[in-house]
Amino acid sequence: VQLVEPGGGLVQPGGSLRLSCAASGFTVSSYGMRWYRQAPGKERELVAGISSYGGVRNYAESVEGRFTISRDNARNTVYLQMNSLKLEDTAVYYCNAPLSGSWGQGTQVTVSS
C-alpha cells in the first residue's frame, strides 16, 4: 500500500492549488480517505475527508467553502482543491487512508506574497 503526493508549491494569498494523492495496493473508492496538514510548531490537523463508496465529504471549519476533496476512481487518486488560499494555510499536507494506516510522504504548501 502506497500513497504518493506530487504537487504542492508556492502560491500567493487568494490563489489556488490542487494537491493529488495517487494510491497503489488498494482502491480509493473502497476506502475513506483524508487530508491532514501540519504547520510549523503545530499539531497535525484533519483538513478534509471523503467516505468510501457514497463519497460523503467533511471539512475542518477553517477550510469549509474554500477546499474541496474529491476522488477519481479511474486514476485511483484523491485530490484536494484549495481556493482562496490564506497565509495560515501554509503547512505540509498529507493524505491518509485510515483503514490501511497508510500516509503519503507529505507535500509543502506555502502561501506567501
PDB file of N, CA and C in Angstrom:
ATOM      1  N   VAL A   1       0.851  -1.193   0.000  1.00  0.00           N
ATOM      2  CA  VAL A   1       0.000   0.000   0.000  1.00  0.00           C
ATOM      3  C   VAL A   1       0.882   1.236   0.000  1.00  0.00           C
ATOM      4  N   GLN A   2       0.622   2.124  -0.929  1.00  0.00           N
ATOM      5  CA  GLN A   2       1.461   3.317  -1.043  1.00  0.00           C
ATOM      6  C   GLN A   2       0.625   4.507  -1.476  1.00  0.00           C
ATOM      7  N   LEU A   3       0.942   5.655  -0.902  1.00  0.00           N
ATOM      8  CA  LEU A   3       0.299   6.911  -1.272  1.00  0.00           C
ATOM      9  C   LEU A   3       1.392   7.875  -1.683  1.00  0.00           C
ATOM     10  N   VAL A   4       1.270   8.438  -2.877  1.00  0.00           N
ATOM     11  CA  VAL A   4       2.289   9.341  -3.406  1.00  0.00           C
ATOM     12  C   VAL A   4       1.647  10.691  -3.702  1.00  0.00           C
ATOM     13  N   GLU A   5       2.276  11.729  -3.197  1.00  0.00           N
ATOM     14  CA  GLU A   5       1.736  13.074  -3.341  1.00  0.00           C
ATOM     15  C   GLU A   5       2.673  13.981  -4.113  1.00  0.00           C
ATOM     16  N   PRO A   6       2.534  14.060  -5.401  1.00  0.00           N
ATOM     17  CA  PRO A   6       3.266  15.111  -6.114  1.00  0.00           C
ATOM     18  C   PRO A   6       2.554  16.439  -5.891  1.00  0.00           C
ATOM     19  N   GLY A   7       3.061  17.501  -6.408  1.00  0.00           N
ATOM     20  CA  GLY A   7       2.367  18.774  -6.306  1.00  0.00           C
ATOM     21  C   GLY A   7       2.831  19.568  -5.112  1.00  0.00           C
ATOM     22  N   GLY A   8       1.992  20.473  -4.651  1.00  0.00           N
ATOM     23  CA  GLY A   8       2.387  21.423  -3.645  1.00  0.00           C
ATOM     24  C   GLY A   8       3.103  22.580  -4.310  1.00  0.00           C
ATOM     25  N   GLY A   9       3.603  23.515  -3.510  1.00  0.00           N
ATOM     26  CA  GLY A   9       4.348  24.624  -4.068  1.00  0.00           C
ATOM     27  C   GLY A   9       4.047  25.927  -3.382  1.00  0.00           C
ATOM     28  N   LEU A  10       4.459  27.000  -4.057  1.00  0.00           N
ATOM     29  CA  LEU A  10       4.314  28.356  -3.539  1.00  0.00           C
ATOM     30  C   LEU A  10       3.195  29.067  -4.285  1.00  0.00           C
ATOM     31  N   VAL A  11       2.308  29.710  -3.549  1.00  0.00           N
ATOM     32  CA  VAL A  11       1.189  30.415  -4.164  1.00  0.00           C
ATOM     33  C   VAL A  11       0.925  31.697  -3.372  1.00  0.00           C
ATOM     34  N   GLN A  12       0.422  32.706  -4.057  1.00  0.00           N
ATOM     35  CA  GLN A  12       0.108  33.964  -3.402  1.00  0.00           C
ATOM     36  C   GLN A  12      -1.226  33.875  -2.665  1.00  0.00           C
ATOM     37  N   PRO A  13      -1.418  34.703  -1.661  1.00  0.00           N
ATOM     38  CA  PRO A  13      -2.721  34.734  -0.984  1.00  0.00           C
ATOM     39  C   PRO A  13      -3.842  34.991  -1.987  1.00  0.00           C
ATOM     40  N   GLY A  14      -4.932  34.260  -1.811  1.00  0.00           N
ATOM     41  CA  GLY A  14      -6.049  34.355  -2.737  1.00  0.00           C
ATOM     42  C   GLY A  14      -5.953  33.406  -3.909  1.00  0.00           C
ATOM     43  N   GLY A  15      -4.821  32.775  -4.074  1.00  0.00           N
ATOM     44  CA  GLY A  15      -4.612  31.863  -5.188  1.00  0.00           C
ATOM     45  C   GLY A  15      -5.171  30.471  -4.933  1.00  0.00           C
ATOM     46  N   SER A  16      -4.947  29.598  -5.913  1.00  0.00           N
ATOM     47  CA  SER A  16      -5.463  28.237  -5.851  1.00  0.00           C
ATOM     48  C   SER A  16      -4.357  27.236  -6.122  1.00  0.00           C
ATOM     49  N   LEU A  17      -4.581  26.031  -5.612  1.00  0.00           N
ATOM     50  CA  LEU A  17      -3.636  24.948  -5.812  1.00  0.00           C
ATOM     51  C   LEU A  17      -4.405  23.646  -5.687  1.00  0.00           C
ATOM     52  N   ARG A  18      -4.014  22.654  -6.461  1.00  0.00           N
ATOM     53  CA  ARG A  18      -4.636  21.340  -6.322  1.00  0.00           C
ATOM     54  C   ARG A  18      -3.577  20.310  -5.947  1.00  0.00           C
ATOM     55  N   LEU A  19      -3.834  19.606  -4.861  1.00  0.00           N
ATOM     56  CA  LEU A  19      -2.973  18.514  -4.438  1.00  0.00           C
ATOM     57  C   LEU A  19      -3.558  17.195  -4.920  1.00  0.00           C
ATOM     58  N   SER A  20      -2.673  16.259  -5.233  1.00  0.00           N
ATOM     59  CA  SER A  20      -3.135  14.932  -5.622  1.00  0.00           C
ATOM     60  C   SER A  20      -2.459  13.874  -4.760  1.00  0.00           C
ATOM     61  N   CYS A  21      -3.126  12.750  -4.640  1.00  0.00           N
ATOM     62  CA  CYS A  21      -2.629  11.638  -3.841  1.00  0.00           C
ATOM     63  C   CYS A  21      -2.934  10.360  -4.622  1.00  0.00           C
ATOM     64  N   ALA A  22      -1.917   9.794  -5.251  1.00  0.00           N
ATOM     65  CA  ALA A  22      -2.078   8.589  -6.057  1.00  0.00           C
ATOM     66  C   ALA A  22      -1.854   7.359  -5.195  1.00  0.00           C
ATOM     67  N   ALA A  23      -2.827   6.452  -5.222  1.00  0.00           N
ATOM     68  CA  ALA A  23      -2.759   5.257  -4.381  1.00  0.00           C
ATOM     69  C   ALA A  23      -2.386   4.031  -5.194  1.00  0.00           C
ATOM     70  N   SER A  24      -1.674   3.127  -4.558  1.00  0.00           N
ATOM     71  CA  SER A  24      -1.387   1.823  -5.150  1.00  0.00           C
ATOM     72  C   SER A  24      -1.525   0.767  -4.063  1.00  0.00           C
ATOM     73  N   GLY A  25      -1.935  -0.414  -4.457  1.00  0.00           N
ATOM     74  CA  GLY A  25      -2.108  -1.502  -3.498  1.00  0.00           C
ATOM     75  C   GLY A  25      -3.506  -1.607  -2.925  1.00  0.00           C
ATOM     76  N   PHE A  26      -4.358  -0.629  -3.224  1.00  0.00           N
ATOM     77  CA  PHE A  26      -5.761  -0.683  -2.819  1.00  0.00           C
ATOM     78  C   PHE A  26      -6.529   0.299  -3.693  1.00  0.00           C
ATOM     79  N   THR A  27      -7.838   0.204  -3.680  1.00  0.00           N
ATOM     80  CA  THR A  27      -8.664   1.096  -4.490  1.00  0.00           C
ATOM     81  C   THR A  27      -9.277   2.167  -3.606  1.00  0.00           C
ATOM     82  N   VAL A  28      -9.068   3.414  -3.996  1.00  0.00           N
ATOM     83  CA  VAL A  28      -9.512   4.522  -3.143  1.00  0.00           C
ATOM     84  C   VAL A  28     -11.021   4.555  -2.999  1.00  0.00           C
ATOM     85  N   SER A  29     -11.744   4.015  -3.967  1.00  0.00           N
ATOM     86  CA  SER A  29     -13.205   4.038  -3.873  1.00  0.00           C
ATOM     87  C   SER A  29     -13.708   3.165  -2.733  1.00  0.00           C
ATOM     88  N   SER A  30     -12.912   2.210  -2.319  1.00  0.00           N
ATOM     89  CA  SER A  30     -13.306   1.293  -1.252  1.00  0.00           C
ATOM     90  C   SER A  30     -12.910   1.791   0.136  1.00  0.00           C
ATOM     91  N   TYR A  31     -12.155   2.859   0.169  1.00  0.00           N
ATOM     92  CA  TYR A  31     -11.628   3.369   1.424  1.00  0.00           C
ATOM     93  C   TYR A  31     -12.090   4.803   1.652  1.00  0.00           C
ATOM     94  N   GLY A  32     -12.324   5.140   2.900  1.00  0.00           N
ATOM     95  CA  GLY A  32     -12.395   6.545   3.240  1.00  0.00           C
ATOM     96  C   GLY A  32     -10.995   7.129   3.153  1.00  0.00           C
ATOM     97  N   MET A  33     -10.885   8.349   2.690  1.00  0.00           N
ATOM     98  CA  MET A  33      -9.593   8.997   2.540  1.00  0.00           C
ATOM     99  C   MET A  33      -9.636  10.353   3.233  1.00  0.00           C
ATOM    100  N   ARG A  34      -8.472  10.805   3.702  1.00  0.00           N
ATOM    101  CA  ARG A  34      -8.389  12.064   4.428  1.00  0.00           C
ATOM    102  C   ARG A  34      -7.170  12.859   4.007  1.00  0.00           C
ATOM    103  N   TRP A  35      -7.281  14.147   4.137  1.00  0.00           N
ATOM    104  CA  TRP A  35      -6.139  15.061   4.031  1.00  0.00           C
ATOM    105  C   TRP A  35      -5.923  15.710   5.396  1.00  0.00           C
ATOM    106  N   TYR A  36      -4.672  15.715   5.824  1.00  0.00           N
ATOM    107  CA  TYR A  36      -4.245  16.391   7.033  1.00  0.00           C
ATOM    108  C   TYR A  36      -3.215  17.458   6.658  1.00  0.00           C
ATOM    109  N   ARG A  37      -2.944  18.328   7.601  1.00  0.00           N
ATOM    110  CA  ARG A  37      -1.843  19.272   7.414  1.00  0.00           C
ATOM    111  C   ARG A  37      -1.171  19.540   8.759  1.00  0.00           C
ATOM    112  N   GLN A  38       0.087  19.941   8.661  1.00  0.00           N
ATOM    113  CA  GLN A  38       0.849  20.275   9.864  1.00  0.00           C
ATOM    114  C   GLN A  38       1.693  21.502   9.590  1.00  0.00           C
ATOM    115  N   ALA A  39       1.386  22.555  10.311  1.00  0.00           N
ATOM    116  CA  ALA A  39       2.158  23.787  10.209  1.00  0.00           C
ATOM    117  C   ALA A  39       3.306  23.754  11.218  1.00  0.00           C
ATOM    118  N   PRO A  40       4.347  24.539  10.997  1.00  0.00           N
ATOM    119  CA  PRO A  40       5.494  24.557  11.926  1.00  0.00           C
ATOM    120  C   PRO A  40       5.048  24.876  13.350  1.00  0.00           C
ATOM    121  N   GLY A  41       5.471  24.036  14.285  1.00  0.00           N
ATOM    122  CA  GLY A  41       5.156  24.270  15.685  1.00  0.00           C
ATOM    123  C   GLY A  41       3.751  23.905  16.093  1.00  0.00           C
ATOM    124  N   LYS A  42       2.985  23.317  15.183  1.00  0.00           N
ATOM    125  CA  LYS A  42       1.601  22.963  15.488  1.00  0.00           C
ATOM    126  C   LYS A  42       1.376  21.470  15.312  1.00  0.00           C
ATOM    127  N   GLU A  43       0.292  20.986  15.899  1.00  0.00           N
ATOM    128  CA  GLU A  43      -0.058  19.585  15.738  1.00  0.00           C
ATOM    129  C   GLU A  43      -0.690  19.342  14.369  1.00  0.00           C
ATOM    130  N   ARG A  44      -0.593  18.107  13.929  1.00  0.00           N
ATOM    131  CA  ARG A  44      -1.243  17.733  12.671  1.00  0.00           C
ATOM    132  C   ARG A  44      -2.750  17.818  12.849  1.00  0.00           C
ATOM    133  N   GLU A  45      -3.422  18.411  11.867  1.00  0.00           N
ATOM    134  CA  GLU A  45      -4.873  18.575  11.959  1.00  0.00           C
ATOM    135  C   GLU A  45      -5.557  18.002  10.728  1.00  0.00           C
ATOM    136  N   LEU A  46      -6.757  17.492  10.943  1.00  0.00           N
ATOM    137  CA  LEU A  46      -7.570  16.968   9.857  1.00  0.00           C
ATOM    138  C   LEU A  46      -8.164  18.129   9.071  1.00  0.00           C
ATOM    139  N   VAL A  47      -7.983  18.093   7.772  1.00  0.00           N
ATOM    140  CA  VAL A  47      -8.468  19.162   6.904  1.00  0.00           C
ATOM    141  C   VAL A  47      -9.751  18.759   6.194  1.00  0.00           C
ATOM    142  N   ALA A  48      -9.751  17.567   5.614  1.00  0.00           N
ATOM    143  CA  ALA A  48     -10.912  17.131   4.831  1.00  0.00           C
ATOM    144  C   ALA A  48     -10.942  15.617   4.773  1.00  0.00           C
ATOM    145  N   GLY A  49     -12.142  15.068   4.612  1.00  0.00           N
ATOM    146  CA  GLY A  49     -12.303  13.628   4.479  1.00  0.00           C
ATOM    147  C   GLY A  49     -13.398  13.298   3.491  1.00  0.00           C
ATOM    148  N   ILE A  50     -13.273  12.145   2.877  1.00  0.00           N
ATOM    149  CA  ILE A  50     -14.308  11.646   1.970  1.00  0.00           C
ATOM    150  C   ILE A  50     -14.529  10.179   2.293  1.00  0.00           C
ATOM    151  N   SER A  51     -15.787   9.787   2.428  1.00  0.00           N
ATOM    152  CA  SER A  51     -16.093   8.417   2.810  1.00  0.00           C
ATOM    153  C   SER A  51     -15.960   7.490   1.609  1.00  0.00           C
ATOM    154  N   SER A  52     -15.930   6.188   1.886  1.00  0.00           N
ATOM    155  CA  SER A  52     -15.894   5.222   0.803  1.00  0.00           C
ATOM    156  C   SER A  52     -17.237   5.189   0.079  1.00  0.00           C
ATOM    157  N   TYR A  53     -17.237   4.708  -1.124  1.00  0.00           N
ATOM    158  CA  TYR A  53     -18.426   4.482  -1.935  1.00  0.00           C
ATOM    159  C   TYR A  53     -19.342   5.698  -2.056  1.00  0.00           C
ATOM    160  N   GLY A  54     -20.065   6.031  -1.001  1.00  0.00           N
ATOM    161  CA  GLY A  54     -21.022   7.122  -1.099  1.00  0.00           C
ATOM    162  C   GLY A  54     -20.403   8.494  -1.235  1.00  0.00           C
ATOM    163  N   GLY A  55     -19.146   8.646  -0.808  1.00  0.00           N
ATOM    164  CA  GLY A  55     -18.461   9.909  -1.026  1.00  0.00           C
ATOM    165  C   GLY A  55     -18.952  11.060  -0.182  1.00  0.00           C
ATOM    166  N   VAL A  56     -19.387  10.794   1.047  1.00  0.00           N
ATOM    167  CA  VAL A  56     -19.757  11.886   1.940  1.00  0.00           C
ATOM    168  C   VAL A  56     -18.488  12.655   2.314  1.00  0.00           C
ATOM    169  N   ARG A  57     -18.564  13.963   2.225  1.00  0.00           N
ATOM    170  CA  ARG A  57     -17.398  14.809   2.483  1.00  0.00           C
ATOM    171  C   ARG A  57     -17.567  15.595   3.778  1.00  0.00           C
ATOM    172  N   ASN A  58     -16.476  15.823   4.453  1.00  0.00           N
ATOM    173  CA  ASN A  58     -16.486  16.704   5.620  1.00  0.00           C
ATOM    174  C   ASN A  58     -15.199  17.510   5.645  1.00  0.00           C
ATOM    175  N   TYR A  59     -15.279  18.685   6.268  1.00  0.00           N
ATOM    176  CA  TYR A  59     -14.172  19.642   6.242  1.00  0.00           C
ATOM    177  C   TYR A  59     -13.974  20.284   7.604  1.00  0.00           C
ATOM    178  N   ALA A  60     -12.731  20.669   7.853  1.00  0.00           N
ATOM    179  CA  ALA A  60     -12.454  21.493   9.013  1.00  0.00           C
ATOM    180  C   ALA A  60     -13.124  22.851   8.813  1.00  0.00           C
ATOM    181  N   GLU A  61     -13.536  23.448   9.897  1.00  0.00           N
ATOM    182  CA  GLU A  61     -14.221  24.738   9.808  1.00  0.00           C
ATOM    183  C   GLU A  61     -13.339  25.791   9.131  1.00  0.00           C
ATOM    184  N   SER A  62     -12.055  25.699   9.324  1.00  0.00           N
ATOM    185  CA  SER A  62     -11.123  26.708   8.800  1.00  0.00           C
ATOM    186  C   SER A  62     -11.002  26.670   7.275  1.00  0.00           C
ATOM    187  N   VAL A  63     -11.425  25.562   6.648  1.00  0.00           N
ATOM    188  CA  VAL A  63     -11.301  25.461   5.188  1.00  0.00           C
ATOM    189  C   VAL A  63     -12.646  25.290   4.503  1.00  0.00           C
ATOM    190  N   GLU A  64     -13.712  25.171   5.273  1.00  0.00           N
ATOM    191  CA  GLU A  64     -15.055  24.981   4.711  1.00  0.00           C
ATOM    192  C   GLU A  64     -15.369  26.084   3.704  1.00  0.00           C
ATOM    193  N   GLY A  65     -15.830  25.683   2.517  1.00  0.00           N
ATOM    194  CA  GLY A  65     -16.171  26.642   1.481  1.00  0.00           C
ATOM    195  C   GLY A  65     -15.004  27.045   0.600  1.00  0.00           C
ATOM    196  N   ARG A  66     -13.793  26.689   0.995  1.00  0.00           N
ATOM    197  CA  ARG A  66     -12.617  27.039   0.201  1.00  0.00           C
ATOM    198  C   ARG A  66     -11.925  25.808  -0.382  1.00  0.00           C
ATOM    199  N   PHE A  67     -11.956  24.704   0.345  1.00  0.00           N
ATOM    200  CA  PHE A  67     -11.286  23.473  -0.080  1.00  0.00           C
ATOM    201  C   PHE A  67     -12.346  22.448  -0.496  1.00  0.00           C
ATOM    202  N   THR A  68     -11.964  21.614  -1.462  1.00  0.00           N
ATOM    203  CA  THR A  68     -12.847  20.530  -1.909  1.00  0.00           C
ATOM    204  C   THR A  68     -12.041  19.248  -2.061  1.00  0.00           C
ATOM    205  N   ILE A  69     -12.487  18.195  -1.401  1.00  0.00           N
ATOM    206  CA  ILE A  69     -11.868  16.882  -1.566  1.00  0.00           C
ATOM    207  C   ILE A  69     -12.672  16.099  -2.594  1.00  0.00           C
ATOM    208  N   SER A  70     -11.961  15.395  -3.462  1.00  0.00           N
ATOM    209  CA  SER A  70     -12.642  14.609  -4.489  1.00  0.00           C
ATOM    210  C   SER A  70     -11.821  13.360  -4.794  1.00  0.00           C
ATOM    211  N   ARG A  71     -12.425  12.496  -5.585  1.00  0.00           N
ATOM    212  CA  ARG A  71     -11.801  11.204  -5.854  1.00  0.00           C
ATOM    213  C   ARG A  71     -12.029  10.843  -7.312  1.00  0.00           C
ATOM    214  N   ASP A  72     -10.986  10.388  -7.980  1.00  0.00           N
ATOM    215  CA  ASP A  72     -11.085   9.900  -9.355  1.00  0.00           C
ATOM    216  C   ASP A  72     -10.805   8.397  -9.318  1.00  0.00           C
ATOM    217  N   ASN A  73     -11.861   7.611  -9.407  1.00  0.00           N
ATOM    218  CA  ASN A  73     -11.701   6.164  -9.265  1.00  0.00           C
ATOM    219  C   ASN A  73     -10.891   5.565 -10.408  1.00  0.00           C
ATOM    220  N   ALA A  74     -11.043   6.108 -11.609  1.00  0.00           N
ATOM    221  CA  ALA A  74     -10.309   5.578 -12.760  1.00  0.00           C
ATOM    222  C   ALA A  74      -8.795   5.764 -12.587  1.00  0.00           C
ATOM    223  N   ARG A  75      -8.410   6.860 -11.967  1.00  0.00           N
ATOM    224  CA  ARG A  75      -6.989   7.140 -11.741  1.00  0.00           C
ATOM    225  C   ARG A  75      -6.524   6.651 -10.364  1.00  0.00           C
ATOM    226  N   ASN A  76      -7.473   6.177  -9.558  1.00  0.00           N
ATOM    227  CA  ASN A  76      -7.161   5.734  -8.195  1.00  0.00           C
ATOM    228  C   ASN A  76      -6.436   6.837  -7.419  1.00  0.00           C
ATOM    229  N   THR A  77      -6.984   8.022  -7.516  1.00  0.00           N
ATOM    230  CA  THR A  77      -6.341   9.218  -6.968  1.00  0.00           C
ATOM    231  C   THR A  77      -7.358  10.059  -6.212  1.00  0.00           C
ATOM    232  N   VAL A  78      -6.901  10.658  -5.144  1.00  0.00           N
ATOM    233  CA  VAL A  78      -7.709  11.595  -4.368  1.00  0.00           C
ATOM    234  C   VAL A  78      -7.086  12.985  -4.515  1.00  0.00           C
ATOM    235  N   TYR A  79      -7.940  13.999  -4.585  1.00  0.00           N
ATOM    236  CA  TYR A  79      -7.478  15.368  -4.787  1.00  0.00           C
ATOM    237  C   TYR A  79      -7.928  16.270  -3.645  1.00  0.00           C
ATOM    238  N   LEU A  80      -7.221  17.356  -3.478  1.00  0.00           N
ATOM    239  CA  LEU A  80      -7.650  18.426  -2.592  1.00  0.00           C
ATOM    240  C   LEU A  80      -7.497  19.732  -3.361  1.00  0.00           C
ATOM    241  N   GLN A  81      -8.622  20.274  -3.804  1.00  0.00           N
ATOM    242  CA  GLN A  81      -8.623  21.569  -4.486  1.00  0.00           C
ATOM    243  C   GLN A  81      -8.697  22.651  -3.436  1.00  0.00           C
ATOM    244  N   MET A  82      -7.726  23.556  -3.456  1.00  0.00           N
ATOM    245  CA  MET A  82      -7.640  24.608  -2.449  1.00  0.00           C
ATOM    246  C   MET A  82      -7.768  25.963  -3.138  1.00  0.00           C
ATOM    247  N   ASN A  83      -8.802  26.687  -2.813  1.00  0.00           N
ATOM    248  CA  ASN A  83      -9.050  28.012  -3.381  1.00  0.00           C
ATOM    249  C   ASN A  83      -8.984  29.071  -2.286  1.00  0.00           C
ATOM    250  N   SER A  84      -8.860  30.312  -2.708  1.00  0.00           N
ATOM    251  CA  SER A  84      -8.824  31.444  -1.776  1.00  0.00           C
ATOM    252  C   SER A  84      -7.832  31.186  -0.644  1.00  0.00           C
ATOM    253  N   LEU A  85      -6.645  30.763  -1.015  1.00  0.00           N
ATOM    254  CA  LEU A  85      -5.646  30.385  -0.016  1.00  0.00           C
ATOM    255  C   LEU A  85      -5.229  31.575   0.842  1.00  0.00           C
ATOM    256  N   LYS A  86      -4.976  31.266   2.106  1.00  0.00           N
ATOM    257  CA  LYS A  86      -4.580  32.268   3.085  1.00  0.00           C
ATOM    258  C   LYS A  86      -3.179  31.939   3.615  1.00  0.00           C
ATOM    259  N   LEU A  87      -2.558  32.937   4.221  1.00  0.00           N
ATOM    260  CA  LEU A  87      -1.229  32.723   4.795  1.00  0.00           C
ATOM    261  C   LEU A  87      -1.227  31.552   5.771  1.00  0.00           C
ATOM    262  N   GLU A  88      -2.314  31.432   6.531  1.00  0.00           N
ATOM    263  CA  GLU A  88      -2.383  30.394   7.554  1.00  0.00           C
ATOM    264  C   GLU A  88      -2.620  28.998   7.001  1.00  0.00           C
ATOM    265  N   ASP A  89      -2.790  28.873   5.704  1.00  0.00           N
ATOM    266  CA  ASP A  89      -2.888  27.558   5.079  1.00  0.00           C
ATOM    267  C   ASP A  89      -1.505  26.955   4.820  1.00  0.00           C
ATOM    268  N   THR A  90      -0.473  27.716   5.047  1.00  0.00           N
ATOM    269  CA  THR A  90       0.883  27.214   4.866  1.00  0.00           C
ATOM    270  C   THR A  90       1.143  26.043   5.807  1.00  0.00           C
ATOM    271  N   ALA A  91       1.544  24.914   5.236  1.00  0.00           N
ATOM    272  CA  ALA A  91       1.751  23.694   6.026  1.00  0.00           C
ATOM    273  C   ALA A  91       2.270  22.592   5.106  1.00  0.00           C
ATOM    274  N   VAL A  92       2.663  21.489   5.720  1.00  0.00           N
ATOM    275  CA  VAL A  92       2.898  20.266   4.973  1.00  0.00           C
ATOM    276  C   VAL A  92       1.583  19.490   4.973  1.00  0.00           C
ATOM    277  N   TYR A  93       1.145  19.102   3.800  1.00  0.00           N
ATOM    278  CA  TYR A  93      -0.125  18.395   3.636  1.00  0.00           C
ATOM    279  C   TYR A  93       0.127  16.911   3.392  1.00  0.00           C
ATOM    280  N   TYR A  94      -0.671  16.085   4.074  1.00  0.00           N
ATOM    281  CA  TYR A  94      -0.524  14.632   3.986  1.00  0.00           C
ATOM    282  C   TYR A  94      -1.862  13.998   3.619  1.00  0.00           C
ATOM    283  N   CYS A  95      -1.832  13.013   2.749  1.00  0.00           N
ATOM    284  CA  CYS A  95      -3.040  12.211   2.555  1.00  0.00           C
ATOM    285  C   CYS A  95      -2.923  10.941   3.388  1.00  0.00           C
ATOM    286  N   ASN A  96      -4.080  10.405   3.713  1.00  0.00           N
ATOM    287  CA  ASN A  96      -4.133   9.291   4.649  1.00  0.00           C
ATOM    288  C   ASN A  96      -5.296   8.373   4.302  1.00  0.00           C
ATOM    289  N   ALA A  97      -5.041   7.074   4.398  1.00  0.00           N
ATOM    290  CA  ALA A  97      -6.086   6.073   4.268  1.00  0.00           C
ATOM    291  C   ALA A  97      -6.221   5.409   5.635  1.00  0.00           C
ATOM    292  N   PRO A  98      -7.165   5.840   6.439  1.00  0.00           N
ATOM    293  CA  PRO A  98      -7.212   5.410   7.836  1.00  0.00           C
ATOM    294  C   PRO A  98      -7.262   3.895   8.037  1.00  0.00           C
ATOM    295  N   LEU A  99      -8.062   3.204   7.244  1.00  0.00           N
ATOM    296  CA  LEU A  99      -8.206   1.768   7.468  1.00  0.00           C
ATOM    297  C   LEU A  99      -6.929   0.995   7.184  1.00  0.00           C
ATOM    298  N   SER A 100      -6.114   1.506   6.288  1.00  0.00           N
ATOM    299  CA  SER A 100      -4.851   0.831   5.968  1.00  0.00           C
ATOM    300  C   SER A 100      -3.714   1.338   6.825  1.00  0.00           C
ATOM    301  N   GLY A 101      -3.920   2.468   7.473  1.00  0.00           N
ATOM    302  CA  GLY A 101      -2.843   3.076   8.248  1.00  0.00           C
ATOM    303  C   GLY A 101      -1.775   3.718   7.409  1.00  0.00           C
ATOM    304  N   SER A 102      -2.049   3.928   6.124  1.00  0.00           N
ATOM    305  CA  SER A 102      -1.029   4.457   5.218  1.00  0.00           C
ATOM    306  C   SER A 102      -1.075   5.974   5.157  1.00  0.00           C
ATOM    307  N   TRP A 103       0.106   6.570   5.009  1.00  0.00           N
ATOM    308  CA  TRP A 103       0.259   8.013   4.871  1.00  0.00           C
ATOM    309  C   TRP A 103       1.101   8.328   3.642  1.00  0.00           C
ATOM    310  N   GLY A 104       0.773   9.448   2.988  1.00  0.00           N
ATOM    311  CA  GLY A 104       1.645   9.957   1.962  1.00  0.00           C
ATOM    312  C   GLY A 104       2.889  10.563   2.588  1.00  0.00           C
ATOM    313  N   GLN A 105       3.853  10.911   1.738  1.00  0.00           N
ATOM    314  CA  GLN A 105       5.123  11.433   2.242  1.00  0.00           C
ATOM    315  C   GLN A 105       5.029  12.889   2.661  1.00  0.00           C
ATOM    316  N   GLY A 106       3.930  13.544   2.299  1.00  0.00           N
ATOM    317  CA  GLY A 106       3.742  14.946   2.627  1.00  0.00           C
ATOM    318  C   GLY A 106       4.247  15.851   1.515  1.00  0.00           C
ATOM    319  N   THR A 107       3.557  16.951   1.321  1.00  0.00           N
ATOM    320  CA  THR A 107       3.960  17.929   0.318  1.00  0.00           C
ATOM    321  C   THR A 107       3.795  19.329   0.904  1.00  0.00           C
ATOM    322  N   GLN A 108       4.771  20.175   0.652  1.00  0.00           N
ATOM    323  CA  GLN A 108       4.788  21.514   1.241  1.00  0.00           C
ATOM    324  C   GLN A 108       3.915  22.468   0.429  1.00  0.00           C
ATOM    325  N   VAL A 109       3.037  23.163   1.118  1.00  0.00           N
ATOM    326  CA  VAL A 109       2.258  24.246   0.526  1.00  0.00           C
ATOM    327  C   VAL A 109       2.627  25.522   1.269  1.00  0.00           C
ATOM    328  N   THR A 110       3.099  26.508   0.525  1.00  0.00           N
ATOM    329  CA  THR A 110       3.484  27.790   1.114  1.00  0.00           C
ATOM    330  C   THR A 110       2.666  28.892   0.473  1.00  0.00           C
ATOM    331  N   VAL A 111       1.944  29.636   1.298  1.00  0.00           N
ATOM    332  CA  VAL A 111       1.153  30.764   0.829  1.00  0.00           C
ATOM    333  C   VAL A 111       1.874  32.024   1.288  1.00  0.00           C
ATOM    334  N   SER A 112       2.348  32.795   0.317  1.00  0.00           N
ATOM    335  CA  SER A 112       3.162  33.962   0.647  1.00  0.00           C
ATOM    336  C   SER A 112       3.094  34.970  -0.481  1.00  0.00           C
ATOM    337  N   SER A 113       3.152  36.233  -0.117  1.00  0.00           N
ATOM    338  CA  SER A 113       3.193  37.287  -1.125  1.00  0.00           C
ATOM    339  C   SER A 113       4.632  37.675  -1.420  1.00  0.00           C
TER     340      SER A 113
END
